[in-house]
N, C-alpha and C. Protein backbone atom coordinates (compact mmCIF):
# COMPACT_ATOMS: atom_id res chain seq x y z
N MET A 1 75.57 92.91 112.82
CA MET A 1 76.33 93.37 113.97
C MET A 1 75.54 94.48 114.65
N ASP A 2 75.60 94.51 115.94
CA ASP A 2 74.92 95.51 116.76
C ASP A 2 75.42 96.92 116.40
N PRO A 3 74.52 97.89 116.17
CA PRO A 3 74.94 99.25 115.81
C PRO A 3 75.88 99.89 116.84
N ARG A 4 75.71 99.58 118.11
CA ARG A 4 76.58 100.15 119.14
C ARG A 4 78.00 99.61 118.99
N THR A 5 78.13 98.33 118.67
CA THR A 5 79.46 97.74 118.45
C THR A 5 80.13 98.39 117.25
N VAL A 6 79.37 98.60 116.18
CA VAL A 6 79.92 99.28 115.00
C VAL A 6 80.40 100.67 115.38
N ALA A 7 79.59 101.41 116.11
CA ALA A 7 79.96 102.78 116.53
C ALA A 7 81.22 102.76 117.39
N ASP A 8 81.33 101.77 118.28
CA ASP A 8 82.53 101.66 119.13
C ASP A 8 83.78 101.41 118.29
N VAL A 9 83.69 100.52 117.32
CA VAL A 9 84.83 100.25 116.44
C VAL A 9 85.21 101.51 115.67
N MET A 10 84.21 102.19 115.10
CA MET A 10 84.49 103.36 114.27
C MET A 10 85.03 104.54 115.08
N SER A 11 84.72 104.59 116.36
CA SER A 11 85.20 105.71 117.19
C SER A 11 86.51 105.41 117.92
N ALA A 12 87.02 104.21 117.78
CA ALA A 12 88.31 103.87 118.41
C ALA A 12 89.40 104.79 117.89
N PRO A 13 90.37 105.15 118.73
CA PRO A 13 91.43 106.08 118.29
C PRO A 13 92.15 105.65 117.01
N ILE A 14 92.48 104.39 116.87
CA ILE A 14 93.17 103.95 115.65
C ILE A 14 92.24 104.07 114.45
N SER A 15 90.97 103.74 114.61
CA SER A 15 90.01 103.91 113.52
C SER A 15 89.94 105.38 113.10
N GLN A 16 89.86 106.26 114.08
CA GLN A 16 89.78 107.69 113.77
C GLN A 16 91.02 108.18 113.05
N GLU A 17 92.17 107.64 113.45
CA GLU A 17 93.43 107.99 112.77
C GLU A 17 93.38 107.54 111.30
N LEU A 18 92.93 106.32 111.07
CA LEU A 18 92.84 105.80 109.71
C LEU A 18 91.82 106.60 108.89
N LEU A 19 90.68 106.90 109.48
CA LEU A 19 89.61 107.63 108.78
C LEU A 19 90.04 109.05 108.39
N GLY A 20 90.93 109.64 109.17
CA GLY A 20 91.39 111.00 108.88
C GLY A 20 92.66 111.06 108.06
N SER A 21 93.22 109.91 107.75
CA SER A 21 94.51 109.86 107.05
C SER A 21 94.36 110.11 105.55
N ALA A 22 95.49 110.17 104.89
CA ALA A 22 95.53 110.34 103.43
C ALA A 22 95.46 109.00 102.71
N ILE A 23 95.26 107.91 103.45
CA ILE A 23 95.18 106.58 102.85
C ILE A 23 93.85 106.46 102.10
N PRO A 24 93.89 106.08 100.83
CA PRO A 24 92.62 105.86 100.14
C PRO A 24 91.92 104.61 100.67
N ALA A 25 90.62 104.60 100.55
CA ALA A 25 89.86 103.40 100.90
C ALA A 25 90.03 102.39 99.78
N ARG A 26 90.01 101.13 100.14
CA ARG A 26 89.88 100.06 99.16
C ARG A 26 88.40 99.70 99.18
N PHE A 27 87.73 99.95 98.07
CA PHE A 27 86.28 99.86 97.98
C PHE A 27 85.94 98.64 97.14
N ALA A 28 85.27 97.66 97.75
CA ALA A 28 84.94 96.41 97.06
C ALA A 28 83.44 96.33 96.81
N TYR A 29 83.11 95.92 95.60
CA TYR A 29 81.71 95.75 95.22
C TYR A 29 81.65 94.65 94.17
N VAL A 30 80.45 94.25 93.81
CA VAL A 30 80.27 93.21 92.80
C VAL A 30 79.85 93.88 91.50
N GLY A 31 80.60 93.62 90.43
CA GLY A 31 80.29 94.20 89.12
C GLY A 31 79.01 93.61 88.54
N VAL A 32 78.50 94.25 87.50
CA VAL A 32 77.26 93.76 86.88
C VAL A 32 77.44 92.38 86.27
N ASP A 33 78.68 91.98 86.00
CA ASP A 33 78.94 90.64 85.47
C ASP A 33 79.06 89.59 86.57
N GLY A 34 78.90 90.01 87.83
CA GLY A 34 78.96 89.08 88.96
C GLY A 34 80.35 88.89 89.53
N ASP A 35 81.36 89.47 88.90
CA ASP A 35 82.72 89.34 89.41
C ASP A 35 83.03 90.45 90.41
N PRO A 36 83.87 90.17 91.41
CA PRO A 36 84.22 91.19 92.40
C PRO A 36 85.14 92.25 91.82
N ARG A 37 85.07 93.42 92.38
CA ARG A 37 85.94 94.54 92.02
C ARG A 37 86.46 95.17 93.32
N VAL A 38 87.68 95.65 93.29
CA VAL A 38 88.24 96.44 94.38
C VAL A 38 88.97 97.61 93.75
N ILE A 39 88.63 98.81 94.21
CA ILE A 39 89.28 100.00 93.68
C ILE A 39 89.75 100.89 94.82
N PRO A 40 90.84 101.62 94.61
CA PRO A 40 91.18 102.65 95.59
C PRO A 40 90.31 103.87 95.31
N ILE A 41 89.85 104.52 96.37
CA ILE A 41 88.98 105.69 96.17
C ILE A 41 89.15 106.64 97.35
N GLY A 42 89.18 107.92 97.04
CA GLY A 42 89.20 108.94 98.09
C GLY A 42 87.85 108.97 98.79
N PHE A 43 87.86 109.38 100.03
CA PHE A 43 86.63 109.40 100.81
C PHE A 43 86.70 110.47 101.89
N VAL A 44 85.55 110.78 102.40
CA VAL A 44 85.43 111.60 103.61
C VAL A 44 84.58 110.81 104.59
N TRP A 45 84.97 110.78 105.83
CA TRP A 45 84.18 110.19 106.91
C TRP A 45 83.53 111.34 107.65
N ASP A 46 82.20 111.37 107.69
CA ASP A 46 81.51 112.50 108.32
C ASP A 46 81.11 112.21 109.77
N GLY A 47 81.64 111.13 110.32
CA GLY A 47 81.32 110.75 111.68
C GLY A 47 80.29 109.65 111.77
N LEU A 48 79.54 109.44 110.70
CA LEU A 48 78.53 108.39 110.65
C LEU A 48 78.63 107.53 109.40
N ARG A 49 79.19 108.11 108.34
CA ARG A 49 79.17 107.41 107.05
C ARG A 49 80.33 107.85 106.17
N PHE A 50 80.65 107.00 105.22
CA PHE A 50 81.64 107.30 104.20
C PHE A 50 80.95 108.02 103.06
N LEU A 51 81.61 109.04 102.54
CA LEU A 51 81.14 109.75 101.35
C LEU A 51 82.23 109.64 100.30
N MET A 52 81.85 109.12 99.13
CA MET A 52 82.75 108.97 98.00
C MET A 52 82.02 109.48 96.76
N PHE A 53 82.75 109.82 95.74
CA PHE A 53 82.13 110.43 94.57
C PHE A 53 82.69 109.85 93.29
N THR A 54 81.86 109.86 92.25
CA THR A 54 82.28 109.30 90.98
C THR A 54 81.49 109.92 89.84
N VAL A 55 81.86 109.55 88.64
CA VAL A 55 81.19 109.99 87.41
C VAL A 55 79.84 109.28 87.31
N PRO A 56 78.79 109.98 86.93
CA PRO A 56 77.47 109.35 86.86
C PRO A 56 77.40 108.09 85.99
N LYS A 57 78.19 108.01 84.94
CA LYS A 57 78.13 106.85 84.05
C LYS A 57 79.21 105.80 84.35
N SER A 58 79.76 105.85 85.55
CA SER A 58 80.82 104.89 85.87
C SER A 58 80.26 103.49 86.06
N ALA A 59 81.13 102.51 85.85
CA ALA A 59 80.75 101.10 86.02
C ALA A 59 80.29 100.83 87.45
N LYS A 60 80.90 101.47 88.43
CA LYS A 60 80.51 101.19 89.81
C LYS A 60 79.11 101.69 90.12
N VAL A 61 78.68 102.76 89.49
CA VAL A 61 77.31 103.25 89.70
C VAL A 61 76.31 102.20 89.19
N ARG A 62 76.54 101.69 87.98
CA ARG A 62 75.66 100.64 87.45
C ARG A 62 75.65 99.42 88.37
N ALA A 63 76.83 99.02 88.82
CA ALA A 63 76.94 97.84 89.67
C ALA A 63 76.25 98.05 91.03
N LEU A 64 76.43 99.21 91.63
CA LEU A 64 75.85 99.48 92.94
C LEU A 64 74.33 99.61 92.88
N ARG A 65 73.81 100.01 91.73
CA ARG A 65 72.34 100.01 91.58
C ARG A 65 71.80 98.58 91.58
N GLN A 66 72.60 97.67 91.05
CA GLN A 66 72.21 96.26 90.98
C GLN A 66 72.40 95.56 92.32
N ASN A 67 73.52 95.85 93.00
CA ASN A 67 73.84 95.22 94.28
C ASN A 67 74.56 96.24 95.15
N PRO A 68 73.88 96.83 96.12
CA PRO A 68 74.49 97.90 96.91
C PRO A 68 75.44 97.45 98.01
N ARG A 69 75.57 96.15 98.26
CA ARG A 69 76.46 95.70 99.34
C ARG A 69 77.92 95.92 98.96
N VAL A 70 78.66 96.50 99.91
CA VAL A 70 80.07 96.82 99.67
C VAL A 70 80.91 96.49 100.90
N ALA A 71 82.20 96.45 100.68
CA ALA A 71 83.17 96.33 101.77
C ALA A 71 84.22 97.41 101.55
N ILE A 72 84.70 97.96 102.64
CA ILE A 72 85.72 99.01 102.60
C ILE A 72 86.84 98.62 103.54
N THR A 73 88.06 98.80 103.08
CA THR A 73 89.24 98.58 103.91
C THR A 73 90.12 99.80 103.85
N ILE A 74 90.59 100.24 105.01
CA ILE A 74 91.60 101.30 105.10
C ILE A 74 92.72 100.70 105.93
N ASP A 75 93.93 100.65 105.36
CA ASP A 75 95.01 99.98 106.06
C ASP A 75 96.34 100.66 105.82
N THR A 76 97.24 100.43 106.77
CA THR A 76 98.59 100.99 106.69
C THR A 76 99.53 99.98 106.04
N GLN A 77 100.71 100.44 105.69
CA GLN A 77 101.74 99.55 105.17
C GLN A 77 102.89 99.42 106.16
N SER A 78 102.71 99.94 107.35
CA SER A 78 103.74 99.86 108.38
C SER A 78 103.50 98.64 109.27
N PHE A 79 104.46 98.37 110.15
CA PHE A 79 104.31 97.26 111.08
C PHE A 79 104.24 97.80 112.49
N PRO A 80 103.35 97.32 113.32
CA PRO A 80 102.31 96.36 112.97
C PRO A 80 101.24 97.02 112.11
N PRO A 81 100.62 96.24 111.24
CA PRO A 81 99.59 96.82 110.38
C PRO A 81 98.40 97.31 111.21
N ARG A 82 97.76 98.32 110.70
CA ARG A 82 96.50 98.83 111.26
C ARG A 82 95.48 98.68 110.14
N VAL A 83 94.37 97.99 110.41
CA VAL A 83 93.40 97.68 109.37
C VAL A 83 92.00 97.94 109.90
N LEU A 84 91.26 98.77 109.19
CA LEU A 84 89.85 98.99 109.49
C LEU A 84 89.04 98.33 108.37
N LEU A 85 88.19 97.38 108.77
CA LEU A 85 87.35 96.64 107.83
C LEU A 85 85.91 97.05 108.07
N VAL A 86 85.19 97.38 107.00
CA VAL A 86 83.82 97.87 107.12
C VAL A 86 82.96 97.23 106.04
N ARG A 87 81.72 96.95 106.38
CA ARG A 87 80.73 96.50 105.40
C ARG A 87 79.49 97.36 105.55
N GLY A 88 78.75 97.49 104.45
CA GLY A 88 77.51 98.25 104.48
C GLY A 88 76.84 98.24 103.13
N ALA A 89 75.77 98.99 103.01
CA ALA A 89 75.05 99.13 101.75
C ALA A 89 75.26 100.55 101.24
N ALA A 90 75.57 100.66 99.98
CA ALA A 90 75.80 101.97 99.37
C ALA A 90 74.47 102.55 98.90
N SER A 91 74.31 103.84 99.12
CA SER A 91 73.20 104.57 98.50
C SER A 91 73.81 105.59 97.54
N LEU A 92 73.07 105.89 96.49
CA LEU A 92 73.57 106.76 95.42
C LEU A 92 72.68 107.98 95.28
N ASP A 93 73.32 109.14 95.13
CA ASP A 93 72.60 110.39 94.90
C ASP A 93 73.31 111.17 93.81
N LEU A 94 72.56 111.62 92.83
CA LEU A 94 73.11 112.49 91.79
C LEU A 94 73.14 113.91 92.33
N VAL A 95 74.30 114.55 92.25
CA VAL A 95 74.45 115.92 92.75
C VAL A 95 75.00 116.80 91.64
N ASP A 96 74.59 118.06 91.63
CA ASP A 96 75.09 119.00 90.65
C ASP A 96 76.45 119.53 91.05
N GLY A 97 77.30 119.74 90.07
CA GLY A 97 78.61 120.32 90.31
C GLY A 97 79.55 119.37 91.03
N VAL A 98 80.53 119.98 91.69
CA VAL A 98 81.56 119.23 92.42
C VAL A 98 81.32 119.46 93.92
N PRO A 99 80.91 118.43 94.64
CA PRO A 99 80.61 118.58 96.07
C PRO A 99 81.85 118.95 96.88
N ASP A 100 81.63 119.71 97.93
CA ASP A 100 82.73 120.11 98.81
C ASP A 100 83.43 118.90 99.42
N GLU A 101 82.68 117.83 99.70
CA GLU A 101 83.29 116.64 100.29
C GLU A 101 84.25 115.95 99.31
N TYR A 102 83.96 116.03 98.02
CA TYR A 102 84.88 115.47 97.03
C TYR A 102 86.19 116.24 97.05
N VAL A 103 86.08 117.54 97.13
CA VAL A 103 87.27 118.40 97.20
C VAL A 103 88.04 118.11 98.49
N ALA A 104 87.33 117.94 99.60
CA ALA A 104 87.98 117.64 100.88
C ALA A 104 88.70 116.30 100.83
N ALA A 105 88.10 115.30 100.17
CA ALA A 105 88.76 113.99 100.04
C ALA A 105 90.05 114.12 99.25
N ALA A 106 90.01 114.90 98.19
CA ALA A 106 91.21 115.08 97.37
C ALA A 106 92.29 115.88 98.10
N ARG A 107 91.87 116.83 98.90
CA ARG A 107 92.83 117.66 99.65
C ARG A 107 93.70 116.79 100.56
N LYS A 108 93.16 115.66 101.03
CA LYS A 108 93.92 114.78 101.92
C LYS A 108 95.10 114.12 101.20
N VAL A 109 95.00 113.93 99.88
CA VAL A 109 96.04 113.17 99.17
C VAL A 109 96.89 114.01 98.23
N LEU A 110 96.44 115.19 97.88
CA LEU A 110 97.20 116.02 96.94
C LEU A 110 98.20 116.91 97.68
N GLU A 111 99.31 117.15 97.03
CA GLU A 111 100.29 118.10 97.56
C GLU A 111 99.68 119.51 97.46
N PRO A 112 99.96 120.37 98.42
CA PRO A 112 99.36 121.72 98.40
C PRO A 112 99.62 122.49 97.10
N ASP A 113 100.81 122.32 96.51
CA ASP A 113 101.11 123.06 95.28
C ASP A 113 100.38 122.48 94.06
N GLN A 114 99.81 121.30 94.16
CA GLN A 114 99.04 120.69 93.08
C GLN A 114 97.55 120.99 93.17
N PHE A 115 97.12 121.38 94.35
CA PHE A 115 95.69 121.42 94.64
C PHE A 115 94.91 122.43 93.79
N ALA A 116 95.39 123.63 93.65
CA ALA A 116 94.64 124.67 92.93
C ALA A 116 94.38 124.26 91.48
N ASP A 117 95.39 123.75 90.80
CA ASP A 117 95.21 123.32 89.41
C ASP A 117 94.26 122.14 89.33
N TRP A 118 94.40 121.20 90.25
CA TRP A 118 93.49 120.05 90.27
C TRP A 118 92.06 120.51 90.47
N GLU A 119 91.84 121.37 91.45
CA GLU A 119 90.48 121.80 91.75
C GLU A 119 89.84 122.54 90.58
N SER A 120 90.58 123.44 89.95
CA SER A 120 89.99 124.16 88.81
C SER A 120 89.70 123.19 87.65
N GLY A 121 90.55 122.19 87.49
CA GLY A 121 90.33 121.20 86.43
C GLY A 121 89.07 120.38 86.66
N VAL A 122 88.85 119.89 87.89
CA VAL A 122 87.66 119.08 88.13
C VAL A 122 86.39 119.92 88.12
N ARG A 123 86.48 121.15 88.60
CA ARG A 123 85.28 122.00 88.56
C ARG A 123 84.87 122.31 87.12
N ALA A 124 85.85 122.38 86.22
CA ALA A 124 85.53 122.62 84.81
C ALA A 124 85.03 121.34 84.12
N LEU A 125 85.42 120.18 84.64
CA LEU A 125 85.09 118.91 84.01
C LEU A 125 83.70 118.38 84.38
N TYR A 126 83.36 118.43 85.65
CA TYR A 126 82.15 117.76 86.14
C TYR A 126 80.97 118.72 86.25
N ASP A 127 79.89 118.41 85.52
CA ASP A 127 78.63 119.12 85.71
C ASP A 127 77.84 118.46 86.83
N GLN A 128 78.00 117.15 86.95
CA GLN A 128 77.32 116.38 87.98
C GLN A 128 78.25 115.25 88.45
N MET A 129 77.99 114.80 89.66
CA MET A 129 78.70 113.64 90.21
C MET A 129 77.67 112.79 90.95
N VAL A 130 78.05 111.56 91.21
CA VAL A 130 77.23 110.69 92.05
C VAL A 130 77.92 110.57 93.40
N ARG A 131 77.16 110.86 94.45
CA ARG A 131 77.64 110.67 95.82
C ARG A 131 77.30 109.24 96.22
N ILE A 132 78.33 108.50 96.62
CA ILE A 132 78.17 107.15 97.16
C ILE A 132 78.27 107.28 98.67
N THR A 133 77.22 106.91 99.36
CA THR A 133 77.19 107.00 100.82
C THR A 133 77.10 105.59 101.39
N VAL A 134 77.99 105.30 102.34
CA VAL A 134 77.98 104.00 103.00
C VAL A 134 77.98 104.23 104.51
N GLU A 135 76.90 103.80 105.14
CA GLU A 135 76.84 103.80 106.60
C GLU A 135 77.19 102.39 107.05
N PRO A 136 78.25 102.24 107.83
CA PRO A 136 78.68 100.89 108.23
C PRO A 136 77.62 100.14 109.02
N ASP A 137 77.41 98.87 108.66
CA ASP A 137 76.57 98.01 109.48
C ASP A 137 77.38 96.86 110.07
N TRP A 138 78.67 96.84 109.78
CA TRP A 138 79.62 95.88 110.35
C TRP A 138 80.99 96.54 110.30
N ALA A 139 81.79 96.37 111.34
CA ALA A 139 83.14 96.95 111.36
C ALA A 139 84.04 96.15 112.27
N LYS A 140 85.31 96.09 111.89
CA LYS A 140 86.31 95.42 112.72
C LYS A 140 87.63 96.17 112.56
N LEU A 141 88.30 96.36 113.66
CA LEU A 141 89.61 97.00 113.66
C LEU A 141 90.65 95.97 114.06
N LEU A 142 91.67 95.84 113.24
CA LEU A 142 92.80 94.96 113.53
C LEU A 142 94.03 95.83 113.74
N ASP A 143 94.61 95.77 114.93
CA ASP A 143 95.83 96.53 115.17
C ASP A 143 97.03 95.61 115.42
N PHE A 144 96.77 94.31 115.47
CA PHE A 144 97.79 93.28 115.65
C PHE A 144 98.58 93.44 116.95
N GLU A 145 98.00 94.19 117.87
CA GLU A 145 98.52 94.27 119.23
C GLU A 145 97.42 93.87 120.22
N THR A 146 96.25 94.49 120.06
CA THR A 146 95.12 94.14 120.92
C THR A 146 94.05 93.37 120.16
N THR A 147 94.03 93.46 118.85
CA THR A 147 93.07 92.73 118.03
C THR A 147 93.79 92.10 116.84
N ILE A 148 93.40 90.87 116.54
CA ILE A 148 93.98 90.13 115.41
C ILE A 148 92.84 89.41 114.69
N PRO A 149 93.08 88.91 113.48
CA PRO A 149 92.04 88.16 112.79
C PRO A 149 91.60 86.94 113.62
N LYS A 150 90.33 86.61 113.57
CA LYS A 150 89.76 85.51 114.36
C LYS A 150 90.50 84.20 114.12
N ALA A 151 90.84 83.90 112.88
CA ALA A 151 91.54 82.64 112.58
C ALA A 151 92.89 82.58 113.29
N VAL A 152 93.59 83.70 113.36
CA VAL A 152 94.88 83.74 114.06
C VAL A 152 94.64 83.62 115.56
N GLU A 153 93.62 84.30 116.05
CA GLU A 153 93.27 84.20 117.47
C GLU A 153 92.96 82.75 117.85
N ASP A 154 92.19 82.06 117.01
CA ASP A 154 91.87 80.66 117.27
C ASP A 154 93.12 79.79 117.27
N LEU A 155 94.04 80.04 116.36
CA LEU A 155 95.28 79.28 116.28
C LEU A 155 96.12 79.50 117.54
N VAL A 156 96.23 80.74 118.00
CA VAL A 156 96.99 81.04 119.22
C VAL A 156 96.39 80.31 120.42
N ARG A 157 95.07 80.35 120.53
CA ARG A 157 94.39 79.66 121.63
C ARG A 157 94.64 78.15 121.58
N ALA A 158 94.58 77.59 120.38
CA ALA A 158 94.80 76.16 120.23
C ALA A 158 96.23 75.78 120.64
N ARG A 159 97.19 76.61 120.25
CA ARG A 159 98.60 76.33 120.60
C ARG A 159 98.83 76.46 122.10
N GLN A 160 98.17 77.47 122.70
CA GLN A 160 98.34 77.66 124.15
C GLN A 160 97.69 76.52 124.93
N GLY A 161 96.63 75.96 124.39
CA GLY A 161 95.93 74.86 125.05
C GLY A 161 96.61 73.51 124.83
N ALA A 162 97.51 73.44 123.87
CA ALA A 162 98.15 72.16 123.54
C ALA A 162 99.27 71.80 124.48
C-alpha cells in the first residue's frame, strides 16, 4: 500500500480517536510452531508507529524474531463499530528498565487510584523489557458509515445493480 494512503488512514479523526483510546490493541503474529496468535496488548501511538513492550523471554519475542509480520486491530464494541486494521513488520529492541511509553500505555487503561501501586510494582519487577515497534505499511479504517469491508461493499453494489 502506498505510504501516503497509510498516513491518510492513520491520521483520520476516527483513527486518531481509536489510537488515543483506552482500547487495547489486538496484536496478531505467527508463533514459532506456525500457528497464529492474537493477544490484547497495551500500546502507544507516537504519530508514526506503534510501541508495545514485553518480557525479553516472552513467546512473542521468539516468534517475532522468526517472522516479524504482524497485524493490529483496534476496535470498539459500540454500534456502528469503528475498526482500525493495520499490518506491518515488527522490530525488537532490548531496553533497560521500564520505558516511559510502557507506563503511558498502562496509564490509558488503569484507574488513577491503581496506577501508583502498579507502577512501583513493574519498576521493581523489570530490569529490562523488549520494545516492539510496528510502523504500518498497510491500514484500513472501517466506520460502517463511510467505509465498510470490501466484500460487503461488493455485495451492496451487486444488489443495487440487480
